[in-house]
Amino acid sequence: MYSVLRNLKKIVPALVLATGIHSTSASAESTVVVELFTSQGCSSCPPADRVLTELQSVKGVLPLSLNVDYWDYLGWEDDLALPGNAKRQRSYSRKQRARNIYTPQIMIEGKMDVIGNRRSQVMAAVNAYLAEPDRVAVSIAPFDASSVRVSLPANGGLREQAVIWLVGYDHAVTKDIGRGENAGESITYSNVVRDWQEAARWDGSQTLNLTMNRPKGDGGAVVIVQMGEVGAILGAAKLEY
C-alpha cells in the first residue's frame, strides 16, 4: 500500500544508517512534527504505528497519527479517520508533485516524505531535523478549564503568511480489527488526531497571542506554525492534559 521512498535528499548522510533516535541532539529550540497517515484497513501500517508510538518518548518530537478512510472499501471502516486527514495528505501530494497517496506515509516537518514502516529511515530523518532549530518560537499553555493560550513572538516578518493550526489528539486508542487486511489484530494508535482546525494566519511582523477553546481529544493539544497549509513547518509546541 505504499509507493517508493521520496524526497530523502535532506537527510544528513552520516545519519542515514542510524537505527535509533538520539534525543540529546535536540536543543530546547528544536521540535520535529511527524505526521503518520495510517489506516486500520492497511496491512502495511502496524509497523509504522509502532514507530510512531516509539517517537512519543523522544524529546523534541511531536508525533501525530492521522487515520484515513480511503481503504474502507477493503472490508473494515476506520472509525478514527477524519475526512480532513486524507484531504491534507492529498494536498501534500500535490505540493510535492507526487502521482499518488499511500499508507503508511510519514511527513516530517512538512518537508520530507518517508515510508512509515521503514524504521531506520524514519529515525535517521527525524535525527537530522532535530539538529535544526525552529524558525518560530511557539508556546501553548492552559488559559482556563476550557481554553488554551497560544503565543508567538514577532520575528521580523515571513516571506508569506503562515497558517496556525490547533490540533487535538487522544494519547492512545486500541482497536480490535474485525475484518479486512488486519482482521484479528489488536492495534494501538498513538497521538490520534481528533480535531484539526485553522486558528489564524500570521505574517510574523507582530507578536501573536490567541485564546481558543480546547480542541477535541483527551490527550492534549498541539499548535503548529506552517508556511501555507502544507508547506515547511516553522515551529510547534504541545500541551499535554
C-alpha atoms as a PDB file:
ATOM      1  CA  MET A   1       0.000   0.000   0.000  1.00  0.00           C
ATOM      2  CA  TYR A   2       2.894   2.330  -0.379  1.00  0.00           C
ATOM      3  CA  SER A   3       4.945   3.786  -3.188  1.00  0.00           C
ATOM      4  CA  VAL A   4       8.707   4.248  -3.459  1.00  0.00           C
ATOM      5  CA  LEU A   5      10.581   6.376  -0.932  1.00  0.00           C
ATOM      6  CA  ARG A   6      10.791  10.005  -1.993  1.00  0.00           C
ATOM      7  CA  ASN A   7      12.489  13.238  -1.002  1.00  0.00           C
ATOM      8  CA  LEU A   8      15.311  11.891   1.156  1.00  0.00           C
ATOM      9  CA  LYS A   9      17.777  14.496  -0.103  1.00  0.00           C
ATOM     10  CA  LYS A  10      17.543  16.470   3.144  1.00  0.00           C
ATOM     11  CA  ILE A  11      18.856  13.645   5.323  1.00  0.00           C
ATOM     12  CA  VAL A  12      22.338  14.248   6.653  1.00  0.00           C
ATOM     13  CA  PRO A  13      24.448  11.454   5.076  1.00  0.00           C
ATOM     14  CA  ALA A  14      26.057  10.461   8.365  1.00  0.00           C
ATOM     15  CA  LEU A  15      22.628   9.760   9.823  1.00  0.00           C
ATOM     16  CA  VAL A  16      21.186   7.656   7.030  1.00  0.00           C
ATOM     17  CA  LEU A  17      22.360   4.416   8.644  1.00  0.00           C
ATOM     18  CA  ALA A  18      21.019   5.349  12.074  1.00  0.00           C
ATOM     19  CA  THR A  19      18.766   2.796  13.695  1.00  0.00           C
ATOM     20  CA  GLY A  20      17.549   4.851  16.636  1.00  0.00           C
ATOM     21  CA  ILE A  21      16.805   8.320  17.909  1.00  0.00           C
ATOM     22  CA  HIS A  22      19.349  10.299  19.894  1.00  0.00           C
ATOM     23  CA  SER A  23      17.257  12.873  21.712  1.00  0.00           C
ATOM     24  CA  THR A  24      20.325  14.587  23.146  1.00  0.00           C
ATOM     25  CA  SER A  25      20.924  16.071  19.679  1.00  0.00           C
ATOM     26  CA  ALA A  26      17.839  18.258  20.080  1.00  0.00           C
ATOM     27  CA  SER A  27      18.109  21.664  21.674  1.00  0.00           C
ATOM     28  CA  ALA A  28      15.317  23.300  23.652  1.00  0.00           C
ATOM     29  CA  GLU A  29      14.509  25.275  20.493  1.00  0.00           C
ATOM     30  CA  SER A  30      14.148  22.237  18.246  1.00  0.00           C
ATOM     31  CA  THR A  31      10.856  20.453  17.589  1.00  0.00           C
ATOM     32  CA  VAL A  32      10.036  17.960  14.863  1.00  0.00           C
ATOM     33  CA  VAL A  33       6.443  17.343  13.781  1.00  0.00           C
ATOM     34  CA  VAL A  34       5.890  13.801  12.473  1.00  0.00           C
ATOM     35  CA  GLU A  35       2.575  13.096  10.717  1.00  0.00           C
ATOM     36  CA  LEU A  36       1.724   9.453  10.045  1.00  0.00           C
ATOM     37  CA  PHE A  37      -1.039   8.755   7.534  1.00  0.00           C
ATOM     38  CA  THR A  38      -2.281   5.326   8.558  1.00  0.00           C
ATOM     39  CA  SER A  39      -5.360   3.119   8.375  1.00  0.00           C
ATOM     40  CA  GLN A  40      -6.953   0.268  10.272  1.00  0.00           C
ATOM     41  CA  GLY A  41      -7.500  -1.370   6.873  1.00  0.00           C
ATOM     42  CA  CYS A  42      -3.845  -1.302   5.795  1.00  0.00           C
ATOM     43  CA  SER A  43      -1.761  -4.435   6.402  1.00  0.00           C
ATOM     44  CA  SER A  44       1.492  -2.469   5.936  1.00  0.00           C
ATOM     45  CA  CYS A  45       0.622   0.047   8.649  1.00  0.00           C
ATOM     46  CA  PRO A  46       1.026  -1.703  12.039  1.00  0.00           C
ATOM     47  CA  PRO A  47       4.870  -1.497  11.983  1.00  0.00           C
ATOM     48  CA  ALA A  48       4.570   2.222  11.219  1.00  0.00           C
ATOM     49  CA  ASP A  49       2.066   2.642  14.051  1.00  0.00           C
ATOM     50  CA  ARG A  50       4.664   1.103  16.393  1.00  0.00           C
ATOM     51  CA  VAL A  51       7.338   3.503  15.106  1.00  0.00           C
ATOM     52  CA  LEU A  52       5.071   6.436  15.885  1.00  0.00           C
ATOM     53  CA  THR A  53       4.447   5.082  19.387  1.00  0.00           C
ATOM     54  CA  GLU A  54       8.207   4.866  19.882  1.00  0.00           C
ATOM     55  CA  LEU A  55       8.590   8.505  18.865  1.00  0.00           C
ATOM     56  CA  GLN A  56       6.260   9.600  21.675  1.00  0.00           C
ATOM     57  CA  SER A  57       9.086   9.288  24.179  1.00  0.00           C
ATOM     58  CA  VAL A  58      11.666  11.256  22.183  1.00  0.00           C
ATOM     59  CA  LYS A  59      12.337  14.771  23.407  1.00  0.00           C
ATOM     60  CA  GLY A  60      11.575  17.392  20.804  1.00  0.00           C
ATOM     61  CA  VAL A  61       9.412  15.134  18.612  1.00  0.00           C
ATOM     62  CA  LEU A  62       5.668  15.732  18.175  1.00  0.00           C
ATOM     63  CA  PRO A  63       4.216  12.591  16.530  1.00  0.00           C
ATOM     64  CA  LEU A  64       0.624  12.534  15.271  1.00  0.00           C
ATOM     65  CA  SER A  65      -1.494   9.728  13.796  1.00  0.00           C
ATOM     66  CA  LEU A  66      -3.812  10.858  11.002  1.00  0.00           C
ATOM     67  CA  ASN A  67      -6.054   7.921  10.108  1.00  0.00           C
ATOM     68  CA  VAL A  68      -7.519   7.946   6.600  1.00  0.00           C
ATOM     69  CA  ASP A  69     -10.668   6.368   5.184  1.00  0.00           C
ATOM     70  CA  TYR A  70      -9.799   5.500   1.580  1.00  0.00           C
ATOM     71  CA  TRP A  71      -9.125   1.827   2.382  1.00  0.00           C
ATOM     72  CA  ASP A  72     -12.555   1.329   3.965  1.00  0.00           C
ATOM     73  CA  TYR A  73     -13.796  -0.438   0.827  1.00  0.00           C
ATOM     74  CA  LEU A  74     -11.480  -3.373   1.614  1.00  0.00           C
ATOM     75  CA  GLY A  75     -13.859  -4.507   4.332  1.00  0.00           C
ATOM     76  CA  TRP A  76     -13.202  -2.533   7.525  1.00  0.00           C
ATOM     77  CA  GLU A  77     -14.283   1.026   8.282  1.00  0.00           C
ATOM     78  CA  ASP A  78     -11.638   3.112  10.054  1.00  0.00           C
ATOM     79  CA  ASP A  79     -13.626   4.889  12.742  1.00  0.00           C
ATOM     80  CA  LEU A  80     -10.616   7.022  13.725  1.00  0.00           C
ATOM     81  CA  ALA A  81     -10.403   8.632  10.291  1.00  0.00           C
ATOM     82  CA  LEU A  82     -11.297  12.303   9.880  1.00  0.00           C
ATOM     83  CA  PRO A  83     -12.311  13.489   6.382  1.00  0.00           C
ATOM     84  CA  GLY A  84      -9.719  16.250   6.594  1.00  0.00           C
ATOM     85  CA  ASN A  85      -6.849  13.791   7.082  1.00  0.00           C
ATOM     86  CA  ALA A  86      -6.992  12.358   3.553  1.00  0.00           C
ATOM     87  CA  LYS A  87      -7.551  15.880   2.219  1.00  0.00           C
ATOM     88  CA  ARG A  88      -4.383  17.048   3.968  1.00  0.00           C
ATOM     89  CA  GLN A  89      -2.441  14.093   2.595  1.00  0.00           C
ATOM     90  CA  ARG A  90      -3.631  14.835  -0.946  1.00  0.00           C
ATOM     91  CA  SER A  91      -2.573  18.463  -0.502  1.00  0.00           C
ATOM     92  CA  TYR A  92       0.922  17.307   0.466  1.00  0.00           C
ATOM     93  CA  SER A  93       0.944  15.056  -2.591  1.00  0.00           C
ATOM     94  CA  ARG A  94       0.075  17.945  -4.908  1.00  0.00           C
ATOM     95  CA  LYS A  95       2.684  20.149  -3.239  1.00  0.00           C
ATOM     96  CA  GLN A  96       5.353  17.503  -3.852  1.00  0.00           C
ATOM     97  CA  ARG A  97       4.030  16.729  -7.342  1.00  0.00           C
ATOM     98  CA  ALA A  98       3.627  13.094  -6.368  1.00  0.00           C
ATOM     99  CA  ARG A  99       1.469  10.840  -8.510  1.00  0.00           C
ATOM    100  CA  ASN A 100      -0.362   9.072  -5.697  1.00  0.00           C
ATOM    101  CA  ILE A 101      -1.003   8.845  -1.976  1.00  0.00           C
ATOM    102  CA  TYR A 102      -0.343   5.779   0.132  1.00  0.00           C
ATOM    103  CA  THR A 103      -0.205   4.337   3.612  1.00  0.00           C
ATOM    104  CA  PRO A 104       1.806   4.213   5.765  1.00  0.00           C
ATOM    105  CA  GLN A 105       3.218   7.606   4.822  1.00  0.00           C
ATOM    106  CA  ILE A 106       5.139   9.807   7.219  1.00  0.00           C
ATOM    107  CA  MET A 107       5.598  13.522   6.619  1.00  0.00           C
ATOM    108  CA  ILE A 108       8.354  15.136   8.648  1.00  0.00           C
ATOM    109  CA  GLU A 109       8.287  18.888   9.288  1.00  0.00           C
ATOM    110  CA  GLY A 110       6.027  19.321   6.255  1.00  0.00           C
ATOM    111  CA  LYS A 111       9.095  18.748   4.078  1.00  0.00           C
ATOM    112  CA  MET A 112      10.019  15.090   3.773  1.00  0.00           C
ATOM    113  CA  ASP A 113       8.080  12.008   2.743  1.00  0.00           C
ATOM    114  CA  VAL A 114       9.239   8.697   4.261  1.00  0.00           C
ATOM    115  CA  ILE A 115       7.599   5.264   4.122  1.00  0.00           C
ATOM    116  CA  GLY A 116       6.394   4.869   7.680  1.00  0.00           C
ATOM    117  CA  ASN A 117       7.307   1.235   8.265  1.00  0.00           C
ATOM    118  CA  ARG A 118      10.957   1.749   7.295  1.00  0.00           C
ATOM    119  CA  ARG A 119      12.073   2.472  10.826  1.00  0.00           C
ATOM    120  CA  SER A 120      15.752   3.186  10.236  1.00  0.00           C
ATOM    121  CA  GLN A 121      14.950   5.758   7.536  1.00  0.00           C
ATOM    122  CA  VAL A 122      12.312   7.425   9.691  1.00  0.00           C
ATOM    123  CA  MET A 123      14.700   7.642  12.636  1.00  0.00           C
ATOM    124  CA  ALA A 124      17.523   8.996  10.502  1.00  0.00           C
ATOM    125  CA  ALA A 125      15.280  11.696   9.063  1.00  0.00           C
ATOM    126  CA  VAL A 126      13.955  12.692  12.485  1.00  0.00           C
ATOM    127  CA  ASN A 127      17.511  12.879  13.852  1.00  0.00           C
ATOM    128  CA  ALA A 128      18.502  15.164  11.002  1.00  0.00           C
ATOM    129  CA  TYR A 129      15.658  17.572  11.677  1.00  0.00           C
ATOM    130  CA  LEU A 130      16.258  17.540  15.425  1.00  0.00           C
ATOM    131  CA  ALA A 131      19.570  19.214  14.651  1.00  0.00           C
ATOM    132  CA  GLU A 132      17.771  22.189  13.079  1.00  0.00           C
ATOM    133  CA  PRO A 133      16.423  24.946  15.377  1.00  0.00           C
ATOM    134  CA  ASP A 134      12.837  26.089  14.985  1.00  0.00           C
ATOM    135  CA  ARG A 135      12.382  29.256  12.962  1.00  0.00           C
ATOM    136  CA  VAL A 136       9.495  30.399  15.167  1.00  0.00           C
ATOM    137  CA  ALA A 137       9.271  30.046  18.947  1.00  0.00           C
ATOM    138  CA  VAL A 138       5.836  28.719  19.892  1.00  0.00           C
ATOM    139  CA  SER A 139       4.214  28.351  23.301  1.00  0.00           C
ATOM    140  CA  ILE A 140       0.886  26.869  24.364  1.00  0.00           C
ATOM    141  CA  ALA A 141      -0.472  26.834  27.908  1.00  0.00           C
ATOM    142  CA  PRO A 142      -3.783  26.390  29.729  1.00  0.00           C
ATOM    143  CA  PHE A 143      -5.832  29.583  29.966  1.00  0.00           C
ATOM    144  CA  ASP A 144      -8.732  28.179  31.963  1.00  0.00           C
ATOM    145  CA  ALA A 145     -10.564  24.858  32.235  1.00  0.00           C
ATOM    146  CA  SER A 146     -11.898  25.024  28.686  1.00  0.00           C
ATOM    147  CA  SER A 147      -9.408  27.112  26.718  1.00  0.00           C
ATOM    148  CA  VAL A 148      -5.729  27.407  25.808  1.00  0.00           C
ATOM    149  CA  ARG A 149      -3.391  30.338  25.207  1.00  0.00           C
ATOM    150  CA  VAL A 150      -1.046  30.332  22.208  1.00  0.00           C
ATOM    151  CA  SER A 151       1.792  32.855  21.870  1.00  0.00           C
ATOM    152  CA  LEU A 152       4.196  33.568  19.007  1.00  0.00           C
ATOM    153  CA  PRO A 153       6.768  36.380  19.263  1.00  0.00           C
ATOM    154  CA  ALA A 154       7.382  38.698  16.345  1.00  0.00           C
ATOM    155  CA  ASN A 155      10.333  37.563  14.266  1.00  0.00           C
ATOM    156  CA  GLY A 156      10.794  40.345  11.734  1.00  0.00           C
ATOM    157  CA  GLY A 157       8.290  39.048   9.212  1.00  0.00           C
ATOM    158  CA  LEU A 158       7.874  35.986   6.980  1.00  0.00           C
ATOM    159  CA  ARG A 159       8.097  35.814   3.198  1.00  0.00           C
ATOM    160  CA  GLU A 160       4.484  34.603   3.136  1.00  0.00           C
ATOM    161  CA  GLN A 161       1.701  34.153   5.637  1.00  0.00           C
ATOM    162  CA  ALA A 162       1.917  31.170   7.924  1.00  0.00           C
ATOM    163  CA  VAL A 163      -1.068  29.076   8.947  1.00  0.00           C
ATOM    164  CA  ILE A 164      -1.502  28.496  12.683  1.00  0.00           C
ATOM    165  CA  TRP A 165      -3.034  25.056  13.267  1.00  0.00           C
ATOM    166  CA  LEU A 166      -4.563  23.915  16.548  1.00  0.00           C
ATOM    167  CA  VAL A 167      -4.703  20.126  16.840  1.00  0.00           C
ATOM    168  CA  GLY A 168      -6.343  17.946  19.487  1.00  0.00           C
ATOM    169  CA  TYR A 169      -5.420  14.305  19.998  1.00  0.00           C
ATOM    170  CA  ASP A 170      -6.075  11.206  22.097  1.00  0.00           C
ATOM    171  CA  HIS A 171      -2.966   9.801  23.731  1.00  0.00           C
ATOM    172  CA  ALA A 172      -3.638   6.161  22.752  1.00  0.00           C
ATOM    173  CA  VAL A 173      -6.520   4.228  21.213  1.00  0.00           C
ATOM    174  CA  THR A 174      -6.559   0.426  20.839  1.00  0.00           C
ATOM    175  CA  LYS A 175      -8.750  -1.142  18.166  1.00  0.00           C
ATOM    176  CA  ASP A 176      -9.675  -4.782  17.624  1.00  0.00           C
ATOM    177  CA  ILE A 177      -9.924  -5.208  13.863  1.00  0.00           C
ATOM    178  CA  GLY A 178     -12.785  -7.494  12.822  1.00  0.00           C
ATOM    179  CA  ARG A 179     -12.454  -7.609   9.037  1.00  0.00           C
ATOM    180  CA  GLY A 180     -10.226  -6.571   6.164  1.00  0.00           C
ATOM    181  CA  GLU A 181      -6.463  -6.915   5.817  1.00  0.00           C
ATOM    182  CA  ASN A 182      -5.822  -6.684   9.572  1.00  0.00           C
ATOM    183  CA  ALA A 183      -8.641  -8.978  10.664  1.00  0.00           C
ATOM    184  CA  GLY A 184      -7.986 -10.465  14.104  1.00  0.00           C
ATOM    185  CA  GLU A 185      -5.323  -7.894  15.016  1.00  0.00           C
ATOM    186  CA  SER A 186      -5.421  -5.586  18.045  1.00  0.00           C
ATOM    187  CA  ILE A 187      -3.625  -2.358  17.131  1.00  0.00           C
ATOM    188  CA  THR A 188      -2.758   0.632  19.306  1.00  0.00           C
ATOM    189  CA  TYR A 189      -2.698   4.054  17.669  1.00  0.00           C
ATOM    190  CA  SER A 190      -0.779   6.815  19.442  1.00  0.00           C
ATOM    191  CA  ASN A 191      -1.482  10.555  19.491  1.00  0.00           C
ATOM    192  CA  VAL A 192      -4.588  10.048  17.353  1.00  0.00           C
ATOM    193  CA  VAL A 193      -5.762  13.322  15.811  1.00  0.00           C
ATOM    194  CA  ARG A 194      -9.350  14.106  16.844  1.00  0.00           C
ATOM    195  CA  ASP A 195      -9.516  17.747  15.828  1.00  0.00           C
ATOM    196  CA  TRP A 196      -7.554  19.838  13.307  1.00  0.00           C
ATOM    197  CA  GLN A 197      -8.520  23.470  12.878  1.00  0.00           C
ATOM    198  CA  GLU A 198      -7.050  26.641  11.490  1.00  0.00           C
ATOM    199  CA  ALA A 199      -6.633  29.159  14.296  1.00  0.00           C
ATOM    200  CA  ALA A 200      -5.152  32.144  12.439  1.00  0.00           C
ATOM    201  CA  ARG A 201      -2.910  33.427   9.662  1.00  0.00           C
ATOM    202  CA  TRP A 202       0.249  35.276  10.683  1.00  0.00           C
ATOM    203  CA  ASP A 203       2.958  37.199   8.835  1.00  0.00           C
ATOM    204  CA  GLY A 204       5.478  37.266  11.698  1.00  0.00           C
ATOM    205  CA  SER A 205       5.693  41.049  11.903  1.00  0.00           C
ATOM    206  CA  GLN A 206       3.912  41.318  15.255  1.00  0.00           C
ATOM    207  CA  THR A 207       3.579  39.203  18.380  1.00  0.00           C
ATOM    208  CA  LEU A 208       0.531  36.963  18.196  1.00  0.00           C
ATOM    209  CA  ASN A 209      -1.485  35.942  21.268  1.00  0.00           C
ATOM    210  CA  LEU A 210      -4.543  33.740  20.832  1.00  0.00           C
ATOM    211  CA  THR A 211      -7.027  32.361  23.332  1.00  0.00           C
ATOM    212  CA  MET A 212      -9.026  29.431  21.934  1.00  0.00           C
ATOM    213  CA  ASN A 213     -11.319  26.678  23.079  1.00  0.00           C
ATOM    214  CA  ARG A 214      -9.511  23.442  23.818  1.00  0.00           C
ATOM    215  CA  PRO A 215      -9.642  21.192  20.759  1.00  0.00           C
ATOM    216  CA  LYS A 216     -11.304  17.778  20.917  1.00  0.00           C
ATOM    217  CA  GLY A 217      -9.164  14.962  22.287  1.00  0.00           C
ATOM    218  CA  ASP A 218      -8.297  13.759  25.778  1.00  0.00           C
ATOM    219  CA  GLY A 219      -4.526  13.554  25.300  1.00  0.00           C
ATOM    220  CA  GLY A 220      -3.556  17.138  24.641  1.00  0.00           C
ATOM    221  CA  ALA A 221      -3.239  19.946  22.130  1.00  0.00           C
ATOM    222  CA  VAL A 222      -0.575  20.833  19.597  1.00  0.00           C
ATOM    223  CA  VAL A 223      -0.061  24.168  17.880  1.00  0.00           C
ATOM    224  CA  ILE A 224       1.761  24.093  14.541  1.00  0.00           C
ATOM    225  CA  VAL A 225       3.070  27.062  12.555  1.00  0.00           C
ATOM    226  CA  GLN A 226       3.295  26.129   8.874  1.00  0.00           C
ATOM    227  CA  MET A 227       4.144  28.048   5.717  1.00  0.00           C
ATOM    228  CA  GLY A 228       0.858  27.781   3.897  1.00  0.00           C
ATOM    229  CA  GLU A 229      -1.438  24.843   4.518  1.00  0.00           C
ATOM    230  CA  VAL A 230       1.122  22.138   3.652  1.00  0.00           C
ATOM    231  CA  GLY A 231       4.477  23.901   3.476  1.00  0.00           C
ATOM    232  CA  ALA A 232       7.506  23.787   5.770  1.00  0.00           C
ATOM    233  CA  ILE A 233       6.735  23.733   9.483  1.00  0.00           C
ATOM    234  CA  LEU A 234       8.402  26.658  11.256  1.00  0.00           C
ATOM    235  CA  GLY A 235       7.702  25.719  14.852  1.00  0.00           C
ATOM    236  CA  ALA A 236       5.372  23.752  17.102  1.00  0.00           C
ATOM    237  CA  ALA A 237       4.521  23.139  20.744  1.00  0.00           C
ATOM    238  CA  LYS A 238       2.476  20.616  22.719  1.00  0.00           C
ATOM    239  CA  LEU A 239       0.270  20.844  25.807  1.00  0.00           C
ATOM    240  CA  GLU A 240      -0.482  17.501  27.465  1.00  0.00           C
ATOM    241  CA  TYR A 241      -3.609  17.184  29.588  1.00  0.00           C
END
